[in-house]
Amino acid sequence: EQISSITLQPEELRAVHRLEVAEIEGRV
């Protein structure tokens, strides 16, 4: 419920992702 209620600030953020730690490597 908390995750689905996230309202992104459009001037700063375009999306939210839920990733395993290994999936984050290469994206940061």
mmCIF file of all heavy atoms, coordinates in Angstrom:
data_MODEL
# 
_entry.id   MODEL 
# 
loop_
_atom_site.group_PDB 
_atom_site.id 
_atom_site.type_symbol 
_atom_site.label_atom_id 
_atom_site.label_alt_id 
_atom_site.label_comp_id 
_atom_site.label_asym_id 
_atom_site.label_entity_id 
_atom_site.label_seq_id 
_atom_site.pdbx_PDB_ins_code 
_atom_site.Cartn_x 
_atom_site.Cartn_y 
_atom_site.Cartn_z 
_atom_site.occupancy 
_atom_site.B_iso_or_equiv 
_atom_site.pdbx_formal_charge 
_atom_site.auth_seq_id 
_atom_site.auth_comp_id 
_atom_site.auth_asym_id 
_atom_site.auth_atom_id 
_atom_site.pdbx_PDB_model_num 
ATOM 1   N N   . GLU A 1 1  ? 0.830  -1.212  0.000   1.00 0.00 ? 1  GLU A N   1 
ATOM 2   C CA  . GLU A 1 1  ? 0.000  0.000   0.000   1.00 0.00 ? 1  GLU A CA  1 
ATOM 3   C C   . GLU A 1 1  ? 0.860  1.255   0.000   1.00 0.00 ? 1  GLU A C   1 
ATOM 4   O O   . GLU A 1 1  ? 0.588  2.207   -0.741  1.00 0.00 ? 1  GLU A O   1 
ATOM 5   C CB  . GLU A 1 1  ? -0.936 -0.009  1.214   1.00 0.00 ? 1  GLU A CB  1 
ATOM 6   C CG  . GLU A 1 1  ? -1.873 1.175   1.256   1.00 0.00 ? 1  GLU A CG  1 
ATOM 7   C CD  . GLU A 1 1  ? -2.782 1.145   2.483   1.00 0.00 ? 1  GLU A CD  1 
ATOM 8   O OE1 . GLU A 1 1  ? -3.168 0.045   2.919   1.00 0.00 ? 1  GLU A OE1 1 
ATOM 9   O OE2 . GLU A 1 1  ? -3.076 2.230   2.995   1.00 0.00 ? 1  GLU A OE2 1 
ATOM 10  N N   . GLN A 1 2  ? 1.909  1.260   0.817   1.00 0.00 ? 2  GLN A N   1 
ATOM 11  C CA  . GLN A 1 2  ? 2.799  2.427   0.853   1.00 0.00 ? 2  GLN A CA  1 
ATOM 12  C C   . GLN A 1 2  ? 3.505  2.624   -0.490  1.00 0.00 ? 2  GLN A C   1 
ATOM 13  O O   . GLN A 1 2  ? 3.606  3.748   -0.979  1.00 0.00 ? 2  GLN A O   1 
ATOM 14  C CB  . GLN A 1 2  ? 3.837  2.270   1.969   1.00 0.00 ? 2  GLN A CB  1 
ATOM 15  C CG  . GLN A 1 2  ? 3.255  2.439   3.358   1.00 0.00 ? 2  GLN A CG  1 
ATOM 16  C CD  . GLN A 1 2  ? 4.263  2.067   4.430   1.00 0.00 ? 2  GLN A CD  1 
ATOM 17  O OE1 . GLN A 1 2  ? 4.910  1.024   4.365   1.00 0.00 ? 2  GLN A OE1 1 
ATOM 18  N NE2 . GLN A 1 2  ? 4.395  2.941   5.422   1.00 0.00 ? 2  GLN A NE2 1 
ATOM 19  N N   . ILE A 1 3  ? 3.972  1.534   -1.074  1.00 0.00 ? 3  ILE A N   1 
ATOM 20  C CA  . ILE A 1 3  ? 4.676  1.640   -2.358  1.00 0.00 ? 3  ILE A CA  1 
ATOM 21  C C   . ILE A 1 3  ? 3.735  2.140   -3.446  1.00 0.00 ? 3  ILE A C   1 
ATOM 22  O O   . ILE A 1 3  ? 4.094  3.007   -4.244  1.00 0.00 ? 3  ILE A O   1 
ATOM 23  C CB  . ILE A 1 3  ? 5.334  0.299   -2.738  1.00 0.00 ? 3  ILE A CB  1 
ATOM 24  C CG1 . ILE A 1 3  ? 6.465  -0.017  -1.738  1.00 0.00 ? 3  ILE A CG1 1 
ATOM 25  C CG2 . ILE A 1 3  ? 5.878  0.341   -4.171  1.00 0.00 ? 3  ILE A CG2 1 
ATOM 26  C CD1 . ILE A 1 3  ? 7.032  -1.407  -1.848  1.00 0.00 ? 3  ILE A CD1 1 
ATOM 27  N N   . SER A 1 4  ? 2.511  1.629   -3.465  1.00 0.00 ? 4  SER A N   1 
ATOM 28  C CA  . SER A 1 4  ? 1.565  2.066   -4.503  1.00 0.00 ? 4  SER A CA  1 
ATOM 29  C C   . SER A 1 4  ? 1.100  3.498   -4.282  1.00 0.00 ? 4  SER A C   1 
ATOM 30  O O   . SER A 1 4  ? 0.612  4.147   -5.203  1.00 0.00 ? 4  SER A O   1 
ATOM 31  C CB  . SER A 1 4  ? 0.373  1.112   -4.598  1.00 0.00 ? 4  SER A CB  1 
ATOM 32  O OG  . SER A 1 4  ? -0.365 1.133   -3.403  1.00 0.00 ? 4  SER A OG  1 
ATOM 33  N N   . SER A 1 5  ? 1.272  4.026   -3.061  1.00 0.00 ? 5  SER A N   1 
ATOM 34  C CA  . SER A 1 5  ? 0.856  5.405   -2.782  1.00 0.00 ? 5  SER A CA  1 
ATOM 35  C C   . SER A 1 5  ? 1.951  6.424   -3.095  1.00 0.00 ? 5  SER A C   1 
ATOM 36  O O   . SER A 1 5  ? 1.731  7.628   -2.951  1.00 0.00 ? 5  SER A O   1 
ATOM 37  C CB  . SER A 1 5  ? 0.429  5.554   -1.317  1.00 0.00 ? 5  SER A CB  1 
ATOM 38  O OG  . SER A 1 5  ? 1.569  5.563   -0.466  1.00 0.00 ? 5  SER A OG  1 
ATOM 39  N N   . ILE A 1 6  ? 3.130  5.965   -3.513  1.00 0.00 ? 6  ILE A N   1 
ATOM 40  C CA  . ILE A 1 6  ? 4.217  6.891   -3.829  1.00 0.00 ? 6  ILE A CA  1 
ATOM 41  C C   . ILE A 1 6  ? 3.777  7.834   -4.940  1.00 0.00 ? 6  ILE A C   1 
ATOM 42  O O   . ILE A 1 6  ? 3.277  7.415   -5.971  1.00 0.00 ? 6  ILE A O   1 
ATOM 43  C CB  . ILE A 1 6  ? 5.500  6.129   -4.230  1.00 0.00 ? 6  ILE A CB  1 
ATOM 44  C CG1 . ILE A 1 6  ? 6.077  5.419   -3.003  1.00 0.00 ? 6  ILE A CG1 1 
ATOM 45  C CG2 . ILE A 1 6  ? 6.529  7.079   -4.855  1.00 0.00 ? 6  ILE A CG2 1 
ATOM 46  C CD1 . ILE A 1 6  ? 7.277  4.531   -3.297  1.00 0.00 ? 6  ILE A CD1 1 
ATOM 47  N N   . THR A 1 7  ? 3.937  9.117   -4.669  1.00 0.00 ? 7  THR A N   1 
ATOM 48  C CA  . THR A 1 7  ? 3.627  10.162  -5.647  1.00 0.00 ? 7  THR A CA  1 
ATOM 49  C C   . THR A 1 7  ? 4.938  10.868  -5.966  1.00 0.00 ? 7  THR A C   1 
ATOM 50  O O   . THR A 1 7  ? 5.463  11.602  -5.132  1.00 0.00 ? 7  THR A O   1 
ATOM 51  C CB  . THR A 1 7  ? 2.604  11.162  -5.052  1.00 0.00 ? 7  THR A CB  1 
ATOM 52  O OG1 . THR A 1 7  ? 1.467  10.450  -4.602  1.00 0.00 ? 7  THR A OG1 1 
ATOM 53  C CG2 . THR A 1 7  ? 2.213  12.200  -6.085  1.00 0.00 ? 7  THR A CG2 1 
ATOM 54  N N   . LEU A 1 8  ? 5.455  10.621  -7.158  1.00 0.00 ? 8  LEU A N   1 
ATOM 55  C CA  . LEU A 1 8  ? 6.749  11.181  -7.525  1.00 0.00 ? 8  LEU A CA  1 
ATOM 56  C C   . LEU A 1 8  ? 6.668  12.666  -7.824  1.00 0.00 ? 8  LEU A C   1 
ATOM 57  O O   . LEU A 1 8  ? 5.702  13.130  -8.429  1.00 0.00 ? 8  LEU A O   1 
ATOM 58  C CB  . LEU A 1 8  ? 7.302  10.442  -8.739  1.00 0.00 ? 8  LEU A CB  1 
ATOM 59  C CG  . LEU A 1 8  ? 7.557  8.953   -8.548  1.00 0.00 ? 8  LEU A CG  1 
ATOM 60  C CD1 . LEU A 1 8  ? 8.026  8.329   -9.853  1.00 0.00 ? 8  LEU A CD1 1 
ATOM 61  C CD2 . LEU A 1 8  ? 8.574  8.701   -7.447  1.00 0.00 ? 8  LEU A CD2 1 
ATOM 62  N N   . GLN A 1 9  ? 7.686  13.395  -7.410  1.00 0.00 ? 9  GLN A N   1 
ATOM 63  C CA  . GLN A 1 9  ? 7.807  14.814  -7.720  1.00 0.00 ? 9  GLN A CA  1 
ATOM 64  C C   . GLN A 1 9  ? 8.276  14.898  -9.179  1.00 0.00 ? 9  GLN A C   1 
ATOM 65  O O   . GLN A 1 9  ? 9.426  14.580  -9.490  1.00 0.00 ? 9  GLN A O   1 
ATOM 66  C CB  . GLN A 1 9  ? 8.812  15.458  -6.770  1.00 0.00 ? 9  GLN A CB  1 
ATOM 67  C CG  . GLN A 1 9  ? 8.920  16.944  -6.898  1.00 0.00 ? 9  GLN A CG  1 
ATOM 68  C CD  . GLN A 1 9  ? 9.927  17.494  -5.899  1.00 0.00 ? 9  GLN A CD  1 
ATOM 69  O OE1 . GLN A 1 9  ? 10.951 16.890  -5.642  1.00 0.00 ? 9  GLN A OE1 1 
ATOM 70  N NE2 . GLN A 1 9  ? 9.625  18.665  -5.365  1.00 0.00 ? 9  GLN A NE2 1 
ATOM 71  N N   . PRO A 1 10 ? 7.402  15.305  -10.115 1.00 0.00 ? 10 PRO A N   1 
ATOM 72  C CA  . PRO A 1 10 ? 7.722  15.210  -11.546 1.00 0.00 ? 10 PRO A CA  1 
ATOM 73  C C   . PRO A 1 10 ? 8.906  16.062  -12.002 1.00 0.00 ? 10 PRO A C   1 
ATOM 74  O O   . PRO A 1 10 ? 9.543  15.726  -12.999 1.00 0.00 ? 10 PRO A O   1 
ATOM 75  C CB  . PRO A 1 10 ? 6.430  15.647  -12.241 1.00 0.00 ? 10 PRO A CB  1 
ATOM 76  C CG  . PRO A 1 10 ? 5.646  16.375  -11.219 1.00 0.00 ? 10 PRO A CG  1 
ATOM 77  C CD  . PRO A 1 10 ? 6.075  15.856  -9.875  1.00 0.00 ? 10 PRO A CD  1 
ATOM 78  N N   . GLU A 1 11 ? 9.230  17.121  -11.274 1.00 0.00 ? 11 GLU A N   1 
ATOM 79  C CA  . GLU A 1 11 ? 10.386 17.938  -11.654 1.00 0.00 ? 11 GLU A CA  1 
ATOM 80  C C   . GLU A 1 11 ? 11.694 17.206  -11.381 1.00 0.00 ? 11 GLU A C   1 
ATOM 81  O O   . GLU A 1 11 ? 12.736 17.582  -11.903 1.00 0.00 ? 11 GLU A O   1 
ATOM 82  C CB  . GLU A 1 11 ? 10.423 19.274  -10.890 1.00 0.00 ? 11 GLU A CB  1 
ATOM 83  C CG  . GLU A 1 11 ? 9.170  20.106  -10.944 1.00 0.00 ? 11 GLU A CG  1 
ATOM 84  C CD  . GLU A 1 11 ? 8.126  19.634  -9.933  1.00 0.00 ? 11 GLU A CD  1 
ATOM 85  O OE1 . GLU A 1 11 ? 8.458  19.349  -8.768  1.00 0.00 ? 11 GLU A OE1 1 
ATOM 86  O OE2 . GLU A 1 11 ? 6.956  19.538  -10.336 1.00 0.00 ? 11 GLU A OE2 1 
ATOM 87  N N   . GLU A 1 12 ? 11.644 16.180  -10.526 1.00 0.00 ? 12 GLU A N   1 
ATOM 88  C CA  . GLU A 1 12 ? 12.865 15.477  -10.131 1.00 0.00 ? 12 GLU A CA  1 
ATOM 89  C C   . GLU A 1 12 ? 12.880 14.002  -10.510 1.00 0.00 ? 12 GLU A C   1 
ATOM 90  O O   . GLU A 1 12 ? 13.941 13.469  -10.814 1.00 0.00 ? 12 GLU A O   1 
ATOM 91  C CB  . GLU A 1 12 ? 13.078 15.598  -8.620  1.00 0.00 ? 12 GLU A CB  1 
ATOM 92  C CG  . GLU A 1 12 ? 13.493 16.982  -8.181  1.00 0.00 ? 12 GLU A CG  1 
ATOM 93  C CD  . GLU A 1 12 ? 14.034 16.988  -6.766  1.00 0.00 ? 12 GLU A CD  1 
ATOM 94  O OE1 . GLU A 1 12 ? 14.690 16.002  -6.364  1.00 0.00 ? 12 GLU A OE1 1 
ATOM 95  O OE2 . GLU A 1 12 ? 13.798 17.979  -6.068  1.00 0.00 ? 12 GLU A OE2 1 
ATOM 96  N N   . LEU A 1 13 ? 11.728 13.333  -10.446 1.00 0.00 ? 13 LEU A N   1 
ATOM 97  C CA  . LEU A 1 13 ? 11.702 11.880  -10.610 1.00 0.00 ? 13 LEU A CA  1 
ATOM 98  C C   . LEU A 1 13 ? 10.705 11.443  -11.664 1.00 0.00 ? 13 LEU A C   1 
ATOM 99  O O   . LEU A 1 13 ? 9.610  11.990  -11.762 1.00 0.00 ? 13 LEU A O   1 
ATOM 100 C CB  . LEU A 1 13 ? 11.362 11.214  -9.278  1.00 0.00 ? 13 LEU A CB  1 
ATOM 101 C CG  . LEU A 1 13 ? 12.291 11.539  -8.109  1.00 0.00 ? 13 LEU A CG  1 
ATOM 102 C CD1 . LEU A 1 13 ? 11.763 10.930  -6.823  1.00 0.00 ? 13 LEU A CD1 1 
ATOM 103 C CD2 . LEU A 1 13 ? 13.705 11.062  -8.391  1.00 0.00 ? 13 LEU A CD2 1 
ATOM 104 N N   . ARG A 1 14 ? 11.081 10.399  -12.424 1.00 0.00 ? 14 ARG A N   1 
ATOM 105 C CA  . ARG A 1 14 ? 10.181 9.893   -13.457 1.00 0.00 ? 14 ARG A CA  1 
ATOM 106 C C   . ARG A 1 14 ? 9.623  8.511   -13.147 1.00 0.00 ? 14 ARG A C   1 
ATOM 107 O O   . ARG A 1 14 ? 8.620  8.120   -13.719 1.00 0.00 ? 14 ARG A O   1 
ATOM 108 C CB  . ARG A 1 14 ? 10.857 9.902   -14.824 1.00 0.00 ? 14 ARG A CB  1 
ATOM 109 C CG  . ARG A 1 14 ? 11.916 8.867   -15.044 1.00 0.00 ? 14 ARG A CG  1 
ATOM 110 C CD  . ARG A 1 14 ? 12.378 8.756   -16.509 1.00 0.00 ? 14 ARG A CD  1 
ATOM 111 N NE  . ARG A 1 14 ? 12.759 10.005  -17.080 1.00 0.00 ? 14 ARG A NE  1 
ATOM 112 C CZ  . ARG A 1 14 ? 14.005 10.472  -17.159 1.00 0.00 ? 14 ARG A CZ  1 
ATOM 113 N NH1 . ARG A 1 14 ? 15.001 9.742   -16.712 1.00 0.00 ? 14 ARG A NH1 1 
ATOM 114 N NH2 . ARG A 1 14 ? 14.256 11.636  -17.700 1.00 0.00 ? 14 ARG A NH2 1 
ATOM 115 N N   . ALA A 1 15 ? 10.294 7.745   -12.258 1.00 0.00 ? 15 ALA A N   1 
ATOM 116 C CA  . ALA A 1 15 ? 9.818  6.383   -11.999 1.00 0.00 ? 15 ALA A CA  1 
ATOM 117 C C   . ALA A 1 15 ? 10.370 5.863   -10.681 1.00 0.00 ? 15 ALA A C   1 
ATOM 118 O O   . ALA A 1 15 ? 11.355 6.382   -10.152 1.00 0.00 ? 15 ALA A O   1 
ATOM 119 C CB  . ALA A 1 15 ? 10.233 5.454   -13.136 1.00 0.00 ? 15 ALA A CB  1 
ATOM 120 N N   . VAL A 1 16 ? 9.698  4.843   -10.182 1.00 0.00 ? 16 VAL A N   1 
ATOM 121 C CA  . VAL A 1 16 ? 10.167 4.116   -9.004  1.00 0.00 ? 16 VAL A CA  1 
ATOM 122 C C   . VAL A 1 16 ? 10.346 2.659   -9.423  1.00 0.00 ? 16 VAL A C   1 
ATOM 123 O O   . VAL A 1 16 ? 9.568  2.134   -10.215 1.00 0.00 ? 16 VAL A O   1 
ATOM 124 C CB  . VAL A 1 16 ? 9.192  4.275   -7.806  1.00 0.00 ? 16 VAL A CB  1 
ATOM 125 C CG1 . VAL A 1 16 ? 7.845  3.664   -8.100  1.00 0.00 ? 16 VAL A CG1 1 
ATOM 126 C CG2 . VAL A 1 16 ? 9.775  3.703   -6.541  1.00 0.00 ? 16 VAL A CG2 1 
ATOM 127 N N   . HIS A 1 17 ? 11.397 2.031   -8.907  1.00 0.00 ? 17 HIS A N   1 
ATOM 128 C CA  . HIS A 1 17 ? 11.706 0.646   -9.250  1.00 0.00 ? 17 HIS A CA  1 
ATOM 129 C C   . HIS A 1 17 ? 11.950 -0.142  -7.975  1.00 0.00 ? 17 HIS A C   1 
ATOM 130 O O   . HIS A 1 17 ? 12.449 0.406   -6.997  1.00 0.00 ? 17 HIS A O   1 
ATOM 131 C CB  . HIS A 1 17 ? 12.971 0.561   -10.115 1.00 0.00 ? 17 HIS A CB  1 
ATOM 132 C CG  . HIS A 1 17 ? 12.905 1.371   -11.362 1.00 0.00 ? 17 HIS A CG  1 
ATOM 133 N ND1 . HIS A 1 17 ? 12.348 0.892   -12.522 1.00 0.00 ? 17 HIS A ND1 1 
ATOM 134 C CD2 . HIS A 1 17 ? 13.314 2.636   -11.635 1.00 0.00 ? 17 HIS A CD2 1 
ATOM 135 C CE1 . HIS A 1 17 ? 12.429 1.820   -13.460 1.00 0.00 ? 17 HIS A CE1 1 
ATOM 136 N NE2 . HIS A 1 17 ? 13.006 2.891   -12.944 1.00 0.00 ? 17 HIS A NE2 1 
ATOM 137 N N   . ARG A 1 18 ? 11.618 -1.423  -8.006  1.00 0.00 ? 18 ARG A N   1 
ATOM 138 C CA  . ARG A 1 18 ? 11.972 -2.340  -6.922  1.00 0.00 ? 18 ARG A CA  1 
ATOM 139 C C   . ARG A 1 18 ? 12.905 -3.382  -7.525  1.00 0.00 ? 18 ARG A C   1 
ATOM 140 O O   . ARG A 1 18 ? 12.502 -4.134  -8.407  1.00 0.00 ? 18 ARG A O   1 
ATOM 141 C CB  . ARG A 1 18 ? 10.737 -3.004  -6.339  1.00 0.00 ? 18 ARG A CB  1 
ATOM 142 C CG  . ARG A 1 18 ? 9.867  -2.011  -5.602  1.00 0.00 ? 18 ARG A CG  1 
ATOM 143 C CD  . ARG A 1 18 ? 8.772  -2.696  -4.872  1.00 0.00 ? 18 ARG A CD  1 
ATOM 144 N NE  . ARG A 1 18 ? 7.576  -2.805  -5.705  1.00 0.00 ? 18 ARG A NE  1 
ATOM 145 C CZ  . ARG A 1 18 ? 6.475  -3.411  -5.323  1.00 0.00 ? 18 ARG A CZ  1 
ATOM 146 N NH1 . ARG A 1 18 ? 6.400  -3.980  -4.145  1.00 0.00 ? 18 ARG A NH1 1 
ATOM 147 N NH2 . ARG A 1 18 ? 5.433  -3.452  -6.123  1.00 0.00 ? 18 ARG A NH2 1 
ATOM 148 N N   . LEU A 1 19 ? 14.144 -3.400  -7.031  1.00 0.00 ? 19 LEU A N   1 
ATOM 149 C CA  . LEU A 1 19 ? 15.165 -4.234  -7.654  1.00 0.00 ? 19 LEU A CA  1 
ATOM 150 C C   . LEU A 1 19 ? 15.943 -5.037  -6.619  1.00 0.00 ? 19 LEU A C   1 
ATOM 151 O O   . LEU A 1 19 ? 16.204 -4.559  -5.512  1.00 0.00 ? 19 LEU A O   1 
ATOM 152 C CB  . LEU A 1 19 ? 16.155 -3.357  -8.429  1.00 0.00 ? 19 LEU A CB  1 
ATOM 153 C CG  . LEU A 1 19 ? 15.570 -2.475  -9.528  1.00 0.00 ? 19 LEU A CG  1 
ATOM 154 C CD1 . LEU A 1 19 ? 16.588 -1.442  -9.970  1.00 0.00 ? 19 LEU A CD1 1 
ATOM 155 C CD2 . LEU A 1 19 ? 15.120 -3.327  -10.694 1.00 0.00 ? 19 LEU A CD2 1 
ATOM 156 N N   . GLU A 1 20 ? 16.319 -6.244  -7.019  1.00 0.00 ? 20 GLU A N   1 
ATOM 157 C CA  . GLU A 1 20 ? 17.276 -7.012  -6.223  1.00 0.00 ? 20 GLU A CA  1 
ATOM 158 C C   . GLU A 1 20 ? 18.600 -6.255  -6.280  1.00 0.00 ? 20 GLU A C   1 
ATOM 159 O O   . GLU A 1 20 ? 18.894 -5.571  -7.272  1.00 0.00 ? 20 GLU A O   1 
ATOM 160 C CB  . GLU A 1 20 ? 17.453 -8.415  -6.800  1.00 0.00 ? 20 GLU A CB  1 
ATOM 161 C CG  . GLU A 1 20 ? 16.194 -9.249  -6.838  1.00 0.00 ? 20 GLU A CG  1 
ATOM 162 C CD  . GLU A 1 20 ? 15.735 -9.702  -5.462  1.00 0.00 ? 20 GLU A CD  1 
ATOM 163 O OE1 . GLU A 1 20 ? 16.582 -9.748  -4.537  1.00 0.00 ? 20 GLU A OE1 1 
ATOM 164 O OE2 . GLU A 1 20 ? 14.538 -10.006 -5.323  1.00 0.00 ? 20 GLU A OE2 1 
ATOM 165 N N   . VAL A 1 21 ? 19.418 -6.394  -5.247  1.00 0.00 ? 21 VAL A N   1 
ATOM 166 C CA  . VAL A 1 21 ? 20.689 -5.679  -5.212  1.00 0.00 ? 21 VAL A CA  1 
ATOM 167 C C   . VAL A 1 21 ? 21.501 -5.967  -6.476  1.00 0.00 ? 21 VAL A C   1 
ATOM 168 O O   . VAL A 1 21 ? 22.042 -5.048  -7.095  1.00 0.00 ? 21 VAL A O   1 
ATOM 169 C CB  . VAL A 1 21 ? 21.492 -6.027  -3.937  1.00 0.00 ? 21 VAL A CB  1 
ATOM 170 C CG1 . VAL A 1 21 ? 22.890 -5.416  -3.985  1.00 0.00 ? 21 VAL A CG1 1 
ATOM 171 C CG2 . VAL A 1 21 ? 20.757 -5.544  -2.691  1.00 0.00 ? 21 VAL A CG2 1 
ATOM 172 N N   . ALA A 1 22 ? 21.574 -7.219  -6.903  1.00 0.00 ? 22 ALA A N   1 
ATOM 173 C CA  . ALA A 1 22 ? 22.360 -7.576  -8.089  1.00 0.00 ? 22 ALA A CA  1 
ATOM 174 C C   . ALA A 1 22 ? 21.839 -6.887  -9.349  1.00 0.00 ? 22 ALA A C   1 
ATOM 175 O O   . ALA A 1 22 ? 22.617 -6.610  -10.262 1.00 0.00 ? 22 ALA A O   1 
ATOM 176 C CB  . ALA A 1 22 ? 22.356 -9.087  -8.280  1.00 0.00 ? 22 ALA A CB  1 
ATOM 177 N N   . GLU A 1 23 ? 20.555 -6.595  -9.416  1.00 0.00 ? 23 GLU A N   1 
ATOM 178 C CA  . GLU A 1 23 ? 19.967 -5.934  -10.577 1.00 0.00 ? 23 GLU A CA  1 
ATOM 179 C C   . GLU A 1 23 ? 20.333 -4.445  -10.646 1.00 0.00 ? 23 GLU A C   1 
ATOM 180 O O   . GLU A 1 23 ? 20.176 -3.815  -11.695 1.00 0.00 ? 23 GLU A O   1 
ATOM 181 C CB  . GLU A 1 23 ? 18.440 -6.050  -10.565 1.00 0.00 ? 23 GLU A CB  1 
ATOM 182 C CG  . GLU A 1 23 ? 17.920 -7.460  -10.706 1.00 0.00 ? 23 GLU A CG  1 
ATOM 183 C CD  . GLU A 1 23 ? 16.405 -7.511  -10.557 1.00 0.00 ? 23 GLU A CD  1 
ATOM 184 O OE1 . GLU A 1 23 ? 15.883 -7.036  -9.515  1.00 0.00 ? 23 GLU A OE1 1 
ATOM 185 O OE2 . GLU A 1 23 ? 15.760 -8.014  -11.489 1.00 0.00 ? 23 GLU A OE2 1 
ATOM 186 N N   . ILE A 1 24 ? 20.795 -3.896  -9.539  1.00 0.00 ? 24 ILE A N   1 
ATOM 187 C CA  . ILE A 1 24 ? 21.113 -2.464  -9.476  1.00 0.00 ? 24 ILE A CA  1 
ATOM 188 C C   . ILE A 1 24 ? 22.493 -2.182  -10.067 1.00 0.00 ? 24 ILE A C   1 
ATOM 189 O O   . ILE A 1 24 ? 22.710 -1.127  -10.655 1.00 0.00 ? 24 ILE A O   1 
ATOM 190 C CB  . ILE A 1 24 ? 21.005 -1.962  -8.022  1.00 0.00 ? 24 ILE A CB  1 
ATOM 191 C CG1 . ILE A 1 24 ? 19.561 -2.134  -7.535  1.00 0.00 ? 24 ILE A CG1 1 
ATOM 192 C CG2 . ILE A 1 24 ? 21.464 -0.518  -7.901  1.00 0.00 ? 24 ILE A CG2 1 
ATOM 193 C CD1 . ILE A 1 24 ? 19.380 -1.929  -6.054  1.00 0.00 ? 24 ILE A CD1 1 
ATOM 194 N N   . GLU A 1 25 ? 23.390 -3.149  -9.968  1.00 0.00 ? 25 GLU A N   1 
ATOM 195 C CA  . GLU A 1 25 ? 24.742 -2.955  -10.503 1.00 0.00 ? 25 GLU A CA  1 
ATOM 196 C C   . GLU A 1 25 ? 24.655 -2.622  -11.988 1.00 0.00 ? 25 GLU A C   1 
ATOM 197 O O   . GLU A 1 25 ? 23.919 -3.236  -12.735 1.00 0.00 ? 25 GLU A O   1 
ATOM 198 C CB  . GLU A 1 25 ? 25.594 -4.203  -10.289 1.00 0.00 ? 25 GLU A CB  1 
ATOM 199 C CG  . GLU A 1 25 ? 27.055 -3.968  -10.563 1.00 0.00 ? 25 GLU A CG  1 
ATOM 200 C CD  . GLU A 1 25 ? 27.935 -5.105  -10.089 1.00 0.00 ? 25 GLU A CD  1 
ATOM 201 O OE1 . GLU A 1 25 ? 27.435 -6.219  -9.878  1.00 0.00 ? 25 GLU A OE1 1 
ATOM 202 O OE2 . GLU A 1 25 ? 29.141 -4.856  -9.943  1.00 0.00 ? 25 GLU A OE2 1 
ATOM 203 N N   . GLY A 1 26 ? 25.384 -1.609  -12.404 1.00 0.00 ? 26 GLY A N   1 
ATOM 204 C CA  . GLY A 1 26 ? 25.344 -1.153  -13.791 1.00 0.00 ? 26 GLY A CA  1 
ATOM 205 C C   . GLY A 1 26 ? 24.298 -0.079  -14.035 1.00 0.00 ? 26 GLY A C   1 
ATOM 206 O O   . GLY A 1 26 ? 24.334 0.594   -15.059 1.00 0.00 ? 26 GLY A O   1 
ATOM 207 N N   . ARG A 1 27 ? 23.360 0.090   -13.086 1.00 0.00 ? 27 ARG A N   1 
ATOM 208 C CA  . ARG A 1 27 ? 22.348 1.138   -13.219 1.00 0.00 ? 27 ARG A CA  1 
ATOM 209 C C   . ARG A 1 27 ? 22.657 2.320   -12.309 1.00 0.00 ? 27 ARG A C   1 
ATOM 210 O O   . ARG A 1 27 ? 21.894 3.278   -12.250 1.00 0.00 ? 27 ARG A O   1 
ATOM 211 C CB  . ARG A 1 27 ? 20.963 0.571   -12.908 1.00 0.00 ? 27 ARG A CB  1 
ATOM 212 C CG  . ARG A 1 27 ? 20.588 -0.538  -13.910 1.00 0.00 ? 27 ARG A CG  1 
ATOM 213 C CD  . ARG A 1 27 ? 19.207 -1.015  -13.722 1.00 0.00 ? 27 ARG A CD  1 
ATOM 214 N NE  . ARG A 1 27 ? 18.275 -0.023  -14.243 1.00 0.00 ? 27 ARG A NE  1 
ATOM 215 C CZ  . ARG A 1 27 ? 16.958 -0.175  -14.220 1.00 0.00 ? 27 ARG A CZ  1 
ATOM 216 N NH1 . ARG A 1 27 ? 16.424 -1.269  -13.718 1.00 0.00 ? 27 ARG A NH1 1 
ATOM 217 N NH2 . ARG A 1 27 ? 16.174 0.763   -14.700 1.00 0.00 ? 27 ARG A NH2 1 
ATOM 218 N N   . VAL A 1 28 ? 23.768 2.207   -11.568 1.00 0.00 ? 28 VAL A N   1 
ATOM 219 C CA  . VAL A 1 28 ? 24.284 3.273   -10.699 1.00 0.00 ? 28 VAL A CA  1 
ATOM 220 C C   . VAL A 1 28 ? 25.798 3.301   -10.872 1.00 0.00 ? 28 VAL A C   1 
ATOM 221 O O   . VAL A 1 28 ? 26.393 2.362   -11.402 1.00 0.00 ? 28 VAL A O   1 
ATOM 222 C CB  . VAL A 1 28 ? 23.924 3.028   -9.210  1.00 0.00 ? 28 VAL A CB  1 
ATOM 223 C CG1 . VAL A 1 28 ? 22.426 3.041   -8.992  1.00 0.00 ? 28 VAL A CG1 1 
ATOM 224 C CG2 . VAL A 1 28 ? 24.524 1.728   -8.690  1.00 0.00 ? 28 VAL A CG2 1 
# 
